[in-house]
Amino acid sequence: MYLEKINLLNFKNYEEISLTFCPQVNCIVGNNGSGKTNLLDAIHYLSLTKSAFNILDGQSIRHEASFFMIDGRFCVADKHYQITCSLKSGQRKIVMSDKKAYERLSEHIGRFPVVLIAPDDTDLVREGGELRRKFFDGMISQIDNQYLNDLIQYNLILKQRNGLLKQFFERNYYDKELLETYNMPLLEAGRKIHFRRQEFMENYVKRFQHHYRNLTESQEEVDLVYESELFEEDFEYEFFFATKRDLQAQRTTKGVHKDDFIFEINRFELKKFGSQGQQKSFVIALKLAQFDVILENKGIKPILLLDDIFDKLDDLRINKLMEMIASGTFGQLFITDARPERTRKIFEQISTESCIFQTGSPDLKV
């Protein structure tokens, strides 16, 4: 699978541009702030119907414009698919496949998978559990559409239950029967999500550990520990017992939305005891394992987006990645770099077809 071409209209700093890509390596070079990362984000948007860097869709509309459009053509097993994402201010975004709009955006997720490695990935280590849940949920959703549907259903019920709890608190009353209509559906959806997360981790952890050892050439012991209240035998009892606390907090305090994934090195928490180099290696291994599981489950190599990695990695890790590229491990790659000569030098050393695009030039071609 690869992205043949892309057309942008009013997307972030791009007013209008059309690009045709190589099936293998595409390098986007240019000064910082010239739009390199924005181009990767447009590819991410085509694949996952959302930005990798902005929470609100409207933030992707170019300043002083009222809409944006991304149009791209993917090739999968010699078949071509035109995907279009568009958003007009104040309206809902539209995603179309071959000019036919999806009824549900979730139908698109996983058709054209991507893996993004970016400088801020170490936030997965430093920040709270919500970011780690989002990472693993996004990964599983690309290979399991039923999981995505269960997750959407769970979050909808959770939002409704939390709204009811807030209403009870503000109006100083409690309707047990009304709350019960949300409890059992929430528990049922939560059990499905918990089981799938647990099942996924059994295979994923082994792949992650393999990539970490390969990247670092070290004997460090790394692990991923899935923590969930649903492992407790009496979880359902504890869920109902927490109702009084839920009413006071005006939110649901127990469930899979509280799960976390603990990153460990030599049996200690990576966040507290891992060096910067160890943390970088850890998150890159996470993303490479993500590539593996998508390939295994979808039968296609996801597009790999590498944002500004040459400035963030030491020579050992860069060489390891280049070895993987040269061996044909990956499919199509997009790499950004602020130093064009460095990019040229690196790819002259490996026999891989590559195209270089220069941001700031009229058509980005070099």
Protein backbone atom coordinates (compact mmCIF):
# COMPACT_ATOMS: atom_id res chain seq x y z
CA MET A 1 0.00 0.00 0.00
CA TYR A 2 1.19 3.52 -0.73
CA LEU A 3 -0.10 7.06 -1.23
CA GLU A 4 0.29 8.05 -4.89
CA LYS A 5 -0.66 11.71 -4.71
CA ILE A 6 -2.20 14.34 -2.48
CA ASN A 7 -3.97 17.67 -3.07
CA LEU A 8 -4.29 20.24 -0.30
CA LEU A 9 -6.56 23.27 -0.24
CA ASN A 10 -6.43 25.67 2.73
CA PHE A 11 -4.94 23.01 5.00
CA LYS A 12 -2.88 24.67 7.75
CA ASN A 13 -0.17 26.77 6.01
CA TYR A 14 -0.89 25.35 2.53
CA GLU A 15 -3.17 27.46 0.36
CA GLU A 16 -3.14 25.05 -2.57
CA ILE A 17 -0.68 22.35 -3.60
CA SER A 18 -0.58 19.02 -5.48
CA LEU A 19 2.14 16.40 -4.95
CA THR A 20 2.96 13.00 -6.46
CA PHE A 21 4.96 10.62 -4.26
CA CYS A 22 7.39 7.73 -4.64
CA PRO A 23 6.18 4.29 -3.52
CA GLN A 24 9.20 3.97 -1.21
CA VAL A 25 10.93 6.91 0.51
CA ASN A 26 9.75 10.53 0.39
CA CYS A 27 11.86 13.16 2.15
CA ILE A 28 10.36 16.55 2.99
CA VAL A 29 13.10 19.06 3.77
CA GLY A 30 13.03 22.74 4.65
CA ASN A 31 13.34 25.28 7.42
CA ASN A 32 11.50 24.85 10.68
CA GLY A 33 7.99 26.28 10.44
CA SER A 34 7.82 25.87 6.64
CA GLY A 35 5.14 23.16 6.69
CA LYS A 36 7.01 19.84 6.77
CA THR A 37 5.06 18.44 9.70
CA ASN A 38 1.80 19.84 8.30
CA LEU A 39 2.27 17.70 5.20
CA LEU A 40 2.67 14.58 7.35
CA ASP A 41 -0.41 15.62 9.28
CA ALA A 42 -2.42 15.82 6.05
CA ILE A 43 -1.45 12.19 5.31
CA HIS A 44 -2.41 11.24 8.87
CA TYR A 45 -5.76 12.99 8.37
CA LEU A 46 -6.45 11.04 5.17
CA SER A 47 -5.83 7.79 7.00
CA LEU A 48 -7.44 8.39 10.40
CA THR A 49 -9.87 11.27 9.65
CA LYS A 50 -8.20 13.50 12.24
CA SER A 51 -5.08 15.51 12.92
CA ALA A 52 -2.23 13.97 14.86
CA PHE A 53 -1.43 17.30 16.51
CA ASN A 54 -4.63 19.35 16.87
CA ILE A 55 -7.57 18.34 19.03
CA LEU A 56 -10.09 20.53 17.18
CA ASP A 57 -10.67 19.96 13.48
CA GLY A 58 -11.15 23.68 12.89
CA GLN A 59 -7.54 24.32 13.88
CA SER A 60 -6.47 22.70 10.60
CA ILE A 61 -8.18 25.38 8.47
CA ARG A 62 -5.69 27.89 7.07
CA HIS A 63 -5.88 31.35 8.64
CA GLU A 64 -8.43 33.63 6.95
CA ALA A 65 -9.98 30.66 5.08
CA SER A 66 -13.39 29.15 5.82
CA PHE A 67 -12.71 25.54 4.89
CA PHE A 68 -10.04 22.98 4.07
CA MET A 69 -9.90 19.96 1.79
CA ILE A 70 -7.45 17.06 1.56
CA ASP A 71 -7.73 14.76 -1.44
CA GLY A 72 -5.49 11.75 -1.93
CA ARG A 73 -5.18 8.59 -3.98
CA PHE A 74 -4.03 5.35 -2.36
CA CYS A 75 -2.89 2.23 -4.18
CA VAL A 76 -3.54 -1.11 -2.48
CA ALA A 77 -2.81 -4.36 -4.34
CA ASP A 78 -2.96 -2.54 -7.71
CA LYS A 79 -6.36 -1.02 -6.89
CA HIS A 80 -6.77 2.74 -6.57
CA TYR A 81 -8.91 4.57 -4.00
CA GLN A 82 -9.65 8.28 -3.85
CA ILE A 83 -10.11 9.61 -0.32
CA THR A 84 -11.33 13.12 0.38
CA CYS A 85 -11.56 14.88 3.76
CA SER A 86 -13.18 18.30 3.95
CA LEU A 87 -14.35 20.67 6.64
CA LYS A 88 -16.21 23.96 6.47
CA SER A 89 -16.25 26.25 9.50
CA GLY A 90 -19.27 25.59 11.70
CA GLN A 91 -20.14 22.33 9.94
CA ARG A 92 -19.34 18.66 10.35
CA LYS A 93 -16.38 17.23 8.46
CA ILE A 94 -17.06 14.97 5.50
CA VAL A 95 -14.94 11.98 4.53
CA MET A 96 -15.53 10.34 1.15
CA SER A 97 -14.19 7.19 -0.48
CA ASP A 98 -14.33 7.35 -4.28
CA LYS A 99 -16.67 10.37 -3.98
CA LYS A 100 -19.13 8.54 -1.72
CA ALA A 101 -19.47 9.88 1.82
CA TYR A 102 -19.16 7.50 4.76
CA GLU A 103 -22.21 7.20 6.96
CA ARG A 104 -19.88 6.63 9.93
CA LEU A 105 -16.27 7.80 10.03
CA SER A 106 -15.35 4.63 11.94
CA GLU A 107 -15.89 2.68 8.70
CA HIS A 108 -12.76 4.34 7.28
CA ILE A 109 -10.39 3.62 10.18
CA GLY A 110 -7.95 0.83 9.35
CA ARG A 111 -8.39 0.86 5.57
CA PHE A 112 -5.19 2.83 4.97
CA PRO A 113 -3.18 2.52 8.20
CA VAL A 114 -0.33 4.80 9.21
CA VAL A 115 2.27 4.85 11.98
CA LEU A 116 3.68 8.21 13.08
CA ILE A 117 6.97 8.66 14.94
CA ALA A 118 7.28 12.26 16.16
CA PRO A 119 9.49 14.26 18.56
CA ASP A 120 6.78 14.59 21.21
CA ASP A 121 6.22 10.82 21.43
CA THR A 122 8.11 10.78 24.72
CA ASP A 123 5.02 12.48 26.17
CA LEU A 124 3.68 8.92 26.31
CA VAL A 125 6.24 8.33 29.04
CA ARG A 126 5.98 11.64 30.89
CA GLU A 127 2.25 12.36 30.77
CA GLY A 128 -0.71 10.62 32.41
CA GLY A 129 -2.63 7.48 31.58
CA GLU A 130 -5.13 9.20 29.27
CA LEU A 131 -2.47 9.72 26.60
CA ARG A 132 -1.28 6.11 26.83
CA ARG A 133 -4.87 4.81 26.60
CA LYS A 134 -5.39 6.97 23.53
CA PHE A 135 -2.25 5.52 21.93
CA PHE A 136 -3.23 1.89 22.50
CA ASP A 137 -6.88 2.51 21.62
CA GLY A 138 -5.82 4.11 18.33
CA MET A 139 -3.52 1.20 17.56
CA ILE A 140 -6.11 -1.50 18.25
CA SER A 141 -8.80 0.45 16.38
CA GLN A 142 -6.73 0.34 13.17
CA ILE A 143 -6.76 -3.47 13.22
CA ASP A 144 -10.11 -4.20 14.88
CA ASN A 145 -13.18 -2.25 13.78
CA GLN A 146 -15.38 -3.99 16.36
CA TYR A 147 -13.10 -2.70 19.12
CA LEU A 148 -13.48 0.82 17.73
CA ASN A 149 -17.29 0.44 17.75
CA ASP A 150 -17.22 -0.87 21.34
CA LEU A 151 -15.02 2.05 22.36
CA ILE A 152 -17.34 4.59 20.72
CA GLN A 153 -20.32 2.97 22.43
CA TYR A 154 -18.58 2.93 25.82
CA ASN A 155 -17.58 6.60 25.60
CA LEU A 156 -21.12 7.58 24.58
CA ILE A 157 -22.69 5.75 27.54
CA LEU A 158 -20.02 7.12 29.87
CA LYS A 159 -20.76 10.67 28.73
CA GLN A 160 -24.50 10.15 29.26
CA ARG A 161 -23.99 8.59 32.71
CA ASN A 162 -21.68 11.42 33.77
CA GLY A 163 -24.24 13.96 32.57
CA LEU A 164 -26.91 12.25 34.66
CA LEU A 165 -24.66 12.21 37.75
CA LYS A 166 -24.04 15.92 37.31
CA GLN A 167 -27.77 16.52 36.94
CA PHE A 168 -28.47 14.58 40.15
CA PHE A 169 -25.88 16.67 42.00
CA GLU A 170 -27.12 20.03 40.71
CA ARG A 171 -30.80 19.26 41.34
CA ASN A 172 -30.19 17.45 44.63
CA TYR A 173 -32.10 14.27 43.78
CA TYR A 174 -31.30 10.65 42.85
CA ASP A 175 -33.17 8.22 40.59
CA LYS A 176 -31.68 4.74 41.05
CA GLU A 177 -33.75 3.11 38.28
CA LEU A 178 -32.76 5.78 35.77
CA LEU A 179 -29.08 5.34 36.60
CA GLU A 180 -29.44 1.55 36.21
CA THR A 181 -30.31 2.00 32.52
CA TYR A 182 -26.71 3.15 31.99
CA ASN A 183 -24.90 0.86 34.43
CA MET A 184 -25.27 -2.53 32.74
CA PRO A 185 -24.59 -1.34 29.15
CA LEU A 186 -21.48 0.48 30.44
CA LEU A 187 -20.25 -2.64 32.24
CA GLU A 188 -20.89 -4.83 29.21
CA ALA A 189 -19.02 -2.55 26.82
CA GLY A 190 -16.22 -2.16 29.36
CA ARG A 191 -15.73 -5.91 29.65
CA LYS A 192 -15.37 -6.22 25.86
CA ILE A 193 -12.78 -3.44 25.76
CA HIS A 194 -10.85 -4.91 28.70
CA PHE A 195 -10.73 -8.37 27.14
CA ARG A 196 -9.51 -7.03 23.78
CA ARG A 197 -6.83 -4.87 25.40
CA GLN A 198 -5.61 -7.83 27.42
CA GLU A 199 -5.59 -10.10 24.37
CA PHE A 200 -3.77 -7.49 22.27
CA MET A 201 -1.01 -6.94 24.82
CA GLU A 202 -0.04 -10.62 24.93
CA ASN A 203 1.28 -10.45 21.36
CA TYR A 204 2.28 -6.79 21.23
CA VAL A 205 4.65 -6.85 24.22
CA LYS A 206 6.86 -9.52 22.65
CA ARG A 207 7.23 -7.50 19.45
CA PHE A 208 7.98 -4.34 21.40
CA GLN A 209 10.70 -6.05 23.45
CA HIS A 210 12.30 -7.41 20.26
CA HIS A 211 12.53 -3.94 18.71
CA TYR A 212 13.92 -2.37 21.88
CA ARG A 213 16.73 -4.92 22.04
CA ASN A 214 17.50 -4.39 18.36
CA LEU A 215 17.57 -0.60 18.66
CA THR A 216 19.77 -0.44 21.73
CA GLU A 217 21.90 -3.58 21.48
CA SER A 218 21.60 -3.73 25.26
CA GLN A 219 20.55 -6.28 27.85
CA GLU A 220 18.11 -3.95 29.59
CA GLU A 221 14.86 -5.59 30.60
CA VAL A 222 11.84 -3.61 29.38
CA ASP A 223 8.18 -4.38 29.88
CA LEU A 224 4.65 -3.05 29.39
CA VAL A 225 2.19 -3.70 32.21
CA TYR A 226 -1.53 -3.34 31.52
CA GLU A 227 -3.28 -2.10 34.67
CA SER A 228 -7.05 -2.29 34.98
CA GLU A 229 -9.60 -2.42 37.77
CA LEU A 230 -11.41 -5.06 35.74
CA PHE A 231 -8.73 -7.60 36.68
CA GLU A 232 -10.28 -7.58 40.17
CA GLU A 233 -12.75 -10.42 40.74
CA ASP A 234 -15.16 -8.16 42.63
CA PHE A 235 -14.97 -5.27 40.15
CA GLU A 236 -18.71 -5.22 39.46
CA TYR A 237 -19.46 -5.05 43.18
CA GLU A 238 -16.93 -2.21 43.56
CA PHE A 239 -18.48 -0.39 40.59
CA PHE A 240 -21.93 -0.31 42.22
CA PHE A 241 -20.45 0.38 45.66
CA ALA A 242 -18.82 3.52 44.19
CA THR A 243 -22.20 5.04 43.25
CA LYS A 244 -22.21 7.37 46.27
CA ARG A 245 -18.71 8.57 45.40
CA ASP A 246 -19.77 8.99 41.74
CA LEU A 247 -22.65 11.23 42.82
CA GLN A 248 -20.33 13.41 44.86
CA ALA A 249 -17.67 13.56 42.13
CA GLN A 250 -20.31 14.03 39.36
CA ARG A 251 -18.51 11.47 37.21
CA THR A 252 -17.96 7.72 36.90
CA THR A 253 -14.93 6.87 39.04
CA LYS A 254 -14.44 3.21 38.08
CA GLY A 255 -14.15 1.49 34.70
CA VAL A 256 -11.86 0.88 31.73
CA HIS A 257 -11.59 4.64 31.18
CA LYS A 258 -9.27 4.56 34.22
CA ASP A 259 -6.96 1.87 32.75
CA ASP A 260 -3.27 2.57 32.32
CA PHE A 261 -0.24 1.04 30.63
CA ILE A 262 2.90 1.16 32.78
CA PHE A 263 6.28 1.43 31.04
CA GLU A 264 9.08 -0.35 32.89
CA ILE A 265 12.85 -0.69 32.49
CA ASN A 266 14.76 -3.15 34.65
CA ARG A 267 11.52 -3.53 36.65
CA PHE A 268 11.42 0.17 37.55
CA GLU A 269 9.09 2.82 36.15
CA LEU A 270 10.63 4.30 33.00
CA LYS A 271 9.24 7.76 33.77
CA LYS A 272 11.24 7.98 37.00
CA PHE A 273 14.35 5.93 36.28
CA GLY A 274 14.86 5.92 32.49
CA SER A 275 17.37 8.21 30.78
CA GLN A 276 16.34 10.38 27.82
CA GLY A 277 18.00 7.92 25.46
CA GLN A 278 16.17 4.99 27.03
CA GLN A 279 12.85 6.84 26.81
CA LYS A 280 13.41 7.65 23.12
CA SER A 281 14.32 4.04 22.35
CA PHE A 282 11.27 2.87 24.29
CA VAL A 283 8.77 4.95 22.31
CA ILE A 284 10.38 4.13 18.94
CA ALA A 285 10.14 0.44 19.82
CA LEU A 286 6.46 1.01 20.67
CA LYS A 287 5.86 2.47 17.21
CA LEU A 288 7.84 -0.22 15.37
CA ALA A 289 5.83 -2.88 17.20
CA GLN A 290 2.70 -1.02 16.10
CA PHE A 291 3.93 -1.34 12.50
CA ASP A 292 4.38 -5.09 13.01
CA VAL A 293 0.92 -5.78 14.44
CA ILE A 294 -0.80 -3.77 11.69
CA LEU A 295 1.12 -5.71 9.05
CA GLU A 296 0.27 -9.01 10.74
CA ASN A 297 -3.43 -8.24 11.11
CA LYS A 298 -4.13 -6.27 7.92
CA GLY A 299 -1.72 -7.98 5.57
CA ILE A 300 -0.40 -4.62 4.34
CA LYS A 301 2.51 -2.44 5.43
CA PRO A 302 1.24 0.80 6.97
CA ILE A 303 2.65 4.09 5.75
CA LEU A 304 5.40 5.18 8.13
CA LEU A 305 5.67 8.89 8.97
CA LEU A 306 8.98 9.94 10.56
CA ASP A 307 8.88 13.54 11.76
CA ASP A 308 12.20 15.24 12.48
CA ILE A 309 13.83 12.06 13.80
CA PHE A 310 17.42 12.77 12.70
CA ASP A 311 17.74 15.64 15.18
CA LYS A 312 16.27 13.57 18.01
CA LEU A 313 18.20 10.29 17.70
CA ASP A 314 21.84 9.36 18.12
CA ASP A 315 23.85 7.66 15.38
CA LEU A 316 23.21 4.15 16.70
CA ARG A 317 19.43 4.47 16.51
CA ILE A 318 19.53 6.25 13.14
CA ASN A 319 21.73 3.50 11.70
CA LYS A 320 19.38 0.81 13.00
CA LEU A 321 16.42 2.50 11.33
CA MET A 322 18.34 2.91 8.08
CA GLU A 323 19.24 -0.78 8.14
CA MET A 324 15.55 -1.61 8.40
CA ILE A 325 14.72 0.73 5.51
CA ALA A 326 17.48 -0.69 3.32
CA SER A 327 16.35 -4.27 4.02
CA GLY A 328 12.81 -3.51 2.82
CA THR A 329 11.25 -3.90 6.26
CA PHE A 330 8.96 -0.94 5.67
CA GLY A 331 6.65 0.05 2.84
CA GLN A 332 6.22 3.72 1.96
CA LEU A 333 8.00 6.24 4.18
CA PHE A 334 7.71 9.98 4.67
CA ILE A 335 10.61 11.64 6.48
CA THR A 336 11.00 15.30 7.43
CA ASP A 337 14.34 17.01 8.03
CA ALA A 338 15.47 20.60 8.40
CA ARG A 339 18.89 19.81 6.88
CA PRO A 340 18.63 18.74 3.20
CA GLU A 341 22.30 17.79 2.82
CA ARG A 342 22.12 15.40 5.75
CA THR A 343 19.08 13.70 4.22
CA ARG A 344 20.77 13.32 0.84
CA LYS A 345 23.90 11.89 2.43
CA ILE A 346 21.98 9.34 4.47
CA PHE A 347 19.94 8.04 1.55
CA GLU A 348 22.89 7.98 -0.85
CA GLN A 349 24.30 5.24 1.37
CA ILE A 350 21.36 2.89 0.90
CA SER A 351 20.02 1.55 -2.39
CA THR A 352 16.43 2.68 -1.95
CA GLU A 353 14.35 4.79 -4.34
CA SER A 354 13.73 8.18 -2.79
CA CYS A 355 12.18 11.53 -3.70
CA ILE A 356 13.03 14.83 -2.04
CA PHE A 357 10.57 17.69 -1.64
CA GLN A 358 11.63 21.19 -0.52
CA THR A 359 9.07 23.17 1.47
CA GLY A 360 8.99 26.82 0.51
CA SER A 361 9.41 26.13 -3.23
CA PRO A 362 6.36 26.54 -5.52
CA ASP A 363 5.68 22.85 -6.03
CA LEU A 364 8.00 21.41 -3.33
CA LYS A 365 9.95 19.44 -5.93
CA VAL A 366 13.76 19.25 -5.88
